[in-house]
Each structure stands twice: as C-alpha cells, then as structure tokens.
Amino acid sequence: MPSLTAEKVADYLPLAGKMPQISGRIINVTHQIPYHISRSAPSKIVTEAPSPQLPEDVSGAPVSKLARHHHRRGTLRAKFHAAEWTITQSRGHLALHAGLQSLREGYETIQIGWTGPIKDKATKAVLSSEDLAEEDIAKLEGLLMEKGQIVPVFLDSKSRGHYEGYCKEVLWPLFHYLVWSDHAGGLSEKQYWEDYVSVNQQFAQRIADHYRPGDIIFINDYHLLLVPEMLREMIPDAPIGLFLHAPFPSSEIFRCLTSKTI
C-alpha cells in the first residue's frame, strides 16, 4: 500500500463540496453499538432444522427476515431474534448513529463497537462475555452483521473500570472543566487507567482484524483516545481519524491527569 501522505489524507476530506473518493470501506468505531442484547433462556446449540414458516435461506440460528417493531414511550425500535437471543435498538446517541448510517447511501461501511452489558432476561443478571459459548458469539456476530453491518467487541471484565471508572469519573469531568477533588492522591485514576488501556487495546485489535487495504477508520470520542496510536503501530499506512464529541480542555486542565500518555 502507498505511504500515507498529506496529499492522500486531503483526498479523504470533503473540501469545496467534493466528496472523498474511497476505494475501500469506512470503518466507524464507537464505544457502544446502537443495540441492547439479551438472552431469554440458557444457551443451547441449535441442531434442529428451521421452522417451516421461516425463509428457506435461513440456516443455523433462526433469524427473522423482517424486523419486528414495538411501541414504547412514543418511539419505534427495531427488534431482532436469533434462537434465544434478542437484539433491540437502543434510544441513546440517536444523532450519532443516524449520521453514521447515512454514510451507507454513498459508501460501504461497517461499525465496530462494544456490545454493552448483555443481560439474562430470566435472572436480570449481566452475562460475562468470557462465559459466552463460541456458538453464541457466532450467532450474535452473524445477526449484527446481517442487520446492521456491525462488528461487536466482546469486552472482558475490564469494561466497567474503563467506562464507569476512567471515562465517567476522570475524562468526562476533565473535558467539561470539572476538576475533581480526589483526597486519595489520584488512586481512582490510577486504578482505572489500566482498564482504560486494556479496553483500548481490545478495540485496536478488533479493528486491525477487520481492516482491509483501502479502508479508512474513524474513531469516535474520548472512550477510545489511545486507539489511533495503537492502530498506527499495527497498520502504519491506514488513514485514521479521531472525532472528539466534547471540547478538548486547555493544557492547564489537561495536565491535571496523572496519566500523561493520552
């Protein structure tokens, strides 16, 4: 692949009304996908043939050919099924996901993001991704790719420290000029920093696994600030963009971080 130059990067920018010419796909990376995932029964491997009323081309876990919708609080949300799994469209960040979806009109795109907490409907418990069977992961990956061109990231136990910890307790206040008062000497920041790094590494690896020459990569928001540098080491010539959905703080505020490697 040719070296990444300033001229080549300029070709990707929509300047003077000219839409960029992209030979590959647009890989949009967000912290979380626009769906909630739940399981209605204990995991089982499906070996029976599909039900007669389902489309003939559906194999393995039965998937509804048409999205069902349900009405709740005035909003219509898509709902899909694959065996015991249910995937329901989320309400949050509608503008972001609508914007990403609009790119499909002119480009081939995929979206990579965390699954979010996966819940068991019967027990209301959150299922650990480490406990999911390979068959379950394959079902969910297939359904999400078919319905939304989505590649899920199944995060390990570090996900809570990344999102609830470093993102919400450290970065969000910092980016909104709310300097926290930590009488523990920055212990909470140090505690969650390793989780933040680990999750960013998992994202970077997932993106690298799906990257093809000619693709361009857009990373969204402060949850994934380390991903561009990690990806650059894996794919030196990949076009990588970072879109921050919050104002970047001044240097006086930013230097309050104990971890200065962002």
Protein backbone atom coordinates (compact mmCIF):
# COMPACT_ATOMS: atom_id res chain seq x y z
CA MET A 1 0.00 0.00 0.00
CA PRO A 2 1.39 3.51 -0.83
CA SER A 3 2.74 5.58 2.04
CA LEU A 4 0.27 7.82 3.85
CA THR A 5 0.96 11.39 2.72
CA ALA A 6 -0.65 14.79 3.37
CA GLU A 7 -1.95 14.81 -0.20
CA LYS A 8 -3.54 11.41 0.25
CA VAL A 9 -5.17 12.44 3.52
CA ALA A 10 -6.57 15.55 1.79
CA ASP A 11 -8.34 13.30 -0.71
CA TYR A 12 -10.49 11.97 2.12
CA LEU A 13 -11.69 15.42 3.22
CA PRO A 14 -14.96 16.80 1.76
CA LEU A 15 -13.46 20.11 0.66
CA ALA A 16 -15.18 22.57 -1.72
CA GLY A 17 -18.19 20.31 -1.98
CA LYS A 18 -16.15 17.43 -3.35
CA MET A 19 -17.00 14.10 -1.76
CA PRO A 20 -13.97 11.96 -0.93
CA GLN A 21 -13.06 9.06 -3.20
CA ILE A 22 -12.66 5.97 -1.02
CA SER A 23 -11.56 2.72 -2.62
CA GLY A 24 -12.42 0.63 0.43
CA ARG A 25 -14.87 0.86 3.30
CA ILE A 26 -15.48 3.40 6.04
CA ILE A 27 -14.90 1.74 9.41
CA ASN A 28 -16.80 3.71 12.05
CA VAL A 29 -15.70 2.90 15.58
CA THR A 30 -17.91 3.85 18.52
CA HIS A 31 -17.70 2.91 22.17
CA GLN A 32 -21.02 1.03 22.02
CA ILE A 33 -23.23 -0.34 19.26
CA PRO A 34 -26.81 1.03 18.87
CA TYR A 35 -28.45 -2.16 20.20
CA HIS A 36 -29.16 -3.89 23.50
CA ILE A 37 -28.60 -7.66 23.69
CA SER A 38 -30.44 -10.05 25.99
CA ARG A 39 -30.88 -13.81 26.38
CA SER A 40 -34.24 -15.38 27.11
CA ALA A 41 -33.05 -18.90 28.01
CA PRO A 42 -29.87 -20.76 28.90
CA SER A 43 -27.51 -21.12 25.95
CA LYS A 44 -28.08 -24.17 23.78
CA ILE A 45 -26.63 -25.27 20.46
CA VAL A 46 -29.45 -25.34 17.89
CA THR A 47 -29.37 -28.52 15.79
CA GLU A 48 -32.95 -28.67 14.54
CA ALA A 49 -33.97 -27.55 11.07
CA PRO A 50 -35.51 -24.08 10.78
CA SER A 51 -39.24 -23.74 11.31
CA PRO A 52 -41.25 -24.18 8.07
CA GLN A 53 -42.68 -20.66 8.24
CA LEU A 54 -39.20 -19.11 8.23
CA PRO A 55 -37.40 -18.19 4.99
CA GLU A 56 -35.61 -21.08 3.34
CA ASP A 57 -32.26 -19.27 3.19
CA VAL A 58 -32.01 -19.00 6.97
CA SER A 59 -29.69 -21.61 8.43
CA GLY A 60 -28.39 -22.26 11.91
CA ALA A 61 -29.99 -19.99 14.47
CA PRO A 62 -33.35 -18.81 13.09
CA VAL A 63 -33.34 -15.11 12.27
CA SER A 64 -36.48 -13.11 11.48
CA LYS A 65 -36.41 -11.94 7.87
CA LEU A 66 -38.25 -8.73 8.73
CA ALA A 67 -37.59 -6.57 11.75
CA ARG A 68 -40.36 -6.51 14.29
CA HIS A 69 -41.09 -3.18 15.93
CA HIS A 70 -42.64 -2.38 19.25
CA HIS A 71 -44.00 0.89 20.53
CA ARG A 72 -42.75 2.21 23.84
CA ARG A 73 -42.82 5.77 25.16
CA GLY A 74 -43.64 7.09 21.74
CA THR A 75 -40.63 5.54 19.94
CA LEU A 76 -40.44 2.72 17.44
CA ARG A 77 -37.46 0.46 17.93
CA ALA A 78 -36.35 -2.46 15.80
CA LYS A 79 -36.16 -5.87 17.46
CA PHE A 80 -34.48 -8.99 16.03
CA HIS A 81 -34.23 -12.59 17.23
CA ALA A 82 -31.68 -15.36 16.78
CA ALA A 83 -32.51 -18.51 18.75
CA GLU A 84 -32.72 -17.40 22.40
CA TRP A 85 -31.04 -14.05 21.71
CA THR A 86 -32.92 -10.76 21.33
CA ILE A 87 -31.35 -7.61 19.92
CA THR A 88 -33.29 -4.37 20.47
CA GLN A 89 -32.43 -0.98 19.04
CA SER A 90 -31.31 1.45 21.74
CA ARG A 91 -32.54 5.02 22.17
CA GLY A 92 -29.27 6.69 23.12
CA HIS A 93 -26.99 8.72 20.82
CA LEU A 94 -29.55 8.76 18.02
CA ALA A 95 -27.90 11.65 16.18
CA LEU A 96 -24.53 9.90 16.13
CA HIS A 97 -25.85 6.58 14.87
CA ALA A 98 -28.19 8.23 12.34
CA GLY A 99 -25.23 10.16 10.98
CA LEU A 100 -23.12 7.03 10.65
CA GLN A 101 -25.99 5.17 8.99
CA SER A 102 -26.43 7.96 6.43
CA LEU A 103 -22.94 7.20 5.07
CA ARG A 104 -24.26 3.92 3.72
CA GLU A 105 -26.01 5.79 0.93
CA GLY A 106 -22.72 6.50 -0.81
CA TYR A 107 -20.16 4.18 0.78
CA GLU A 108 -19.67 0.67 2.08
CA THR A 109 -19.43 0.95 5.85
CA ILE A 110 -19.12 -1.19 8.94
CA GLN A 111 -19.45 -0.14 12.56
CA ILE A 112 -17.31 -1.58 15.34
CA GLY A 113 -18.33 -1.17 18.97
CA TRP A 114 -18.81 -2.76 22.36
CA THR A 115 -21.93 -4.88 22.79
CA GLY A 116 -22.84 -3.12 26.02
CA PRO A 117 -23.97 -5.19 29.02
CA ILE A 118 -25.54 -8.47 27.84
CA LYS A 119 -28.41 -9.41 30.15
CA ASP A 120 -30.26 -12.59 31.02
CA LYS A 121 -33.99 -11.86 30.88
CA ALA A 122 -34.88 -14.54 33.42
CA THR A 123 -32.42 -13.56 36.17
CA LYS A 124 -31.85 -9.89 35.18
CA ALA A 125 -28.15 -10.63 35.65
CA VAL A 126 -25.42 -9.28 33.38
CA LEU A 127 -23.69 -12.07 31.47
CA SER A 128 -19.91 -12.02 31.31
CA SER A 129 -18.55 -12.17 27.78
CA GLU A 130 -15.94 -14.66 28.99
CA ASP A 131 -18.78 -17.08 29.81
CA LEU A 132 -20.42 -16.92 26.37
CA ALA A 133 -20.04 -20.04 24.27
CA GLU A 134 -18.36 -19.75 20.88
CA GLU A 135 -21.68 -20.74 19.28
CA ASP A 136 -23.43 -17.83 20.99
CA ILE A 137 -20.77 -15.35 19.90
CA ALA A 138 -21.05 -16.62 16.33
CA LYS A 139 -24.86 -16.21 16.38
CA LEU A 140 -24.64 -12.65 17.64
CA GLU A 141 -21.86 -11.69 15.24
CA GLY A 142 -23.84 -13.08 12.31
CA LEU A 143 -27.07 -11.34 13.28
CA LEU A 144 -25.43 -7.96 13.91
CA MET A 145 -23.54 -8.09 10.63
CA GLU A 146 -26.67 -9.09 8.70
CA LYS A 147 -28.96 -6.47 10.21
CA GLY A 148 -26.62 -3.53 10.75
CA GLN A 149 -23.17 -4.17 9.26
CA ILE A 150 -21.94 -4.19 12.85
CA VAL A 151 -18.86 -5.92 14.26
CA PRO A 152 -19.30 -6.37 18.04
CA VAL A 153 -16.49 -6.11 20.57
CA PHE A 154 -16.99 -8.56 23.43
CA LEU A 155 -15.13 -6.88 26.28
CA ASP A 156 -13.82 -8.72 29.32
CA SER A 157 -14.15 -7.67 32.97
CA LYS A 158 -12.12 -4.51 32.30
CA SER A 159 -15.14 -2.87 30.66
CA ARG A 160 -16.58 -1.49 33.91
CA GLY A 161 -13.35 0.14 35.02
CA HIS A 162 -12.96 1.61 31.54
CA TYR A 163 -16.44 3.13 31.18
CA GLU A 164 -17.82 3.68 34.68
CA GLY A 165 -14.36 4.38 36.03
CA TYR A 166 -11.89 6.20 33.80
CA CYS A 167 -14.33 7.59 31.23
CA LYS A 168 -17.02 8.83 33.63
CA GLU A 169 -15.02 9.63 36.76
CA VAL A 170 -11.87 11.01 35.14
CA LEU A 171 -12.18 12.05 31.48
CA TRP A 172 -15.76 13.33 31.36
CA PRO A 173 -15.31 15.79 34.25
CA LEU A 174 -11.92 16.85 32.88
CA PHE A 175 -13.26 17.53 29.37
CA HIS A 176 -16.07 19.62 30.86
CA TYR A 177 -13.75 21.67 33.08
CA LEU A 178 -14.93 19.99 36.27
CA VAL A 179 -11.70 19.42 38.14
CA TRP A 180 -12.38 16.71 40.65
CA SER A 181 -11.26 16.73 44.26
CA ASP A 182 -9.51 13.44 44.97
CA HIS A 183 -8.26 13.20 48.52
CA ALA A 184 -6.86 9.74 47.77
CA GLY A 185 -3.99 11.20 45.75
CA GLY A 186 -5.31 10.13 42.36
CA LEU A 187 -5.74 6.48 43.33
CA SER A 188 -9.06 6.12 41.47
CA GLU A 189 -7.48 7.48 38.30
CA LYS A 190 -4.52 5.11 38.60
CA GLN A 191 -6.87 2.20 39.40
CA TYR A 192 -8.94 2.70 36.25
CA TRP A 193 -6.08 3.66 33.92
CA GLU A 194 -5.06 0.04 33.34
CA ASP A 195 -8.66 -0.85 32.44
CA TYR A 196 -8.80 2.08 30.01
CA VAL A 197 -5.60 0.93 28.31
CA SER A 198 -6.79 -2.69 28.15
CA VAL A 199 -10.14 -1.84 26.53
CA ASN A 200 -8.46 0.45 24.00
CA GLN A 201 -6.09 -2.41 23.12
CA GLN A 202 -9.03 -4.77 22.59
CA PHE A 203 -10.69 -2.25 20.28
CA ALA A 204 -7.48 -1.67 18.33
CA GLN A 205 -7.01 -5.40 17.79
CA ARG A 206 -10.62 -5.85 16.66
CA ILE A 207 -10.27 -3.03 14.15
CA ALA A 208 -6.95 -4.38 12.85
CA ASP A 209 -8.52 -7.83 12.40
CA HIS A 210 -11.21 -6.36 10.11
CA TYR A 211 -9.15 -3.75 8.28
CA ARG A 212 -8.57 -4.10 4.54
CA PRO A 213 -6.22 -2.01 2.38
CA GLY A 214 -8.21 0.97 1.08
CA ASP A 215 -10.39 1.31 4.19
CA ILE A 216 -10.44 4.48 6.26
CA ILE A 217 -11.01 4.39 10.01
CA PHE A 218 -12.94 6.92 12.10
CA ILE A 219 -12.60 6.65 15.89
CA ASN A 220 -15.32 8.39 17.91
CA ASP A 221 -14.95 10.15 21.24
CA TYR A 222 -12.90 10.13 24.43
CA HIS A 223 -13.60 6.50 25.28
CA LEU A 224 -11.04 5.42 22.67
CA LEU A 225 -8.33 8.08 22.72
CA LEU A 226 -5.49 5.53 22.72
CA VAL A 227 -6.79 3.52 19.77
CA PRO A 228 -5.33 5.69 16.96
CA GLU A 229 -1.75 5.35 18.23
CA MET A 230 -2.20 1.63 18.89
CA LEU A 231 -3.59 1.16 15.38
CA ARG A 232 -0.77 3.18 13.85
CA GLU A 233 1.70 0.66 15.25
CA MET A 234 -0.33 -2.24 13.80
CA ILE A 235 -1.24 -0.64 10.44
CA PRO A 236 1.27 2.15 9.70
CA ASP A 237 -0.33 3.33 6.45
CA ALA A 238 -4.00 3.21 7.45
CA PRO A 239 -5.92 6.53 7.25
CA ILE A 240 -7.15 7.10 10.81
CA GLY A 241 -9.37 9.94 12.02
CA LEU A 242 -10.42 10.86 15.56
CA PHE A 243 -13.69 12.72 16.13
CA LEU A 244 -13.96 14.08 19.66
CA HIS A 245 -17.57 14.78 20.71
CA ALA A 246 -16.53 17.09 23.55
CA PRO A 247 -14.36 20.22 23.73
CA PHE A 248 -10.73 19.40 24.42
CA PRO A 249 -9.62 21.02 27.69
CA SER A 250 -6.91 23.63 27.97
CA SER A 251 -3.38 22.49 28.76
CA GLU A 252 -3.76 23.80 32.33
CA ILE A 253 -6.71 21.47 32.90
CA PHE A 254 -5.36 18.55 30.89
CA ARG A 255 -2.13 18.43 32.88
CA CYS A 256 -4.19 17.57 35.96
CA LEU A 257 -4.25 14.00 34.66
CA THR A 258 -1.92 11.67 36.50
CA SER A 259 -1.60 9.59 33.32
CA LYS A 260 0.10 11.90 30.83
CA THR A 261 0.38 9.36 27.99
CA ILE A 262 -3.01 10.06 26.34
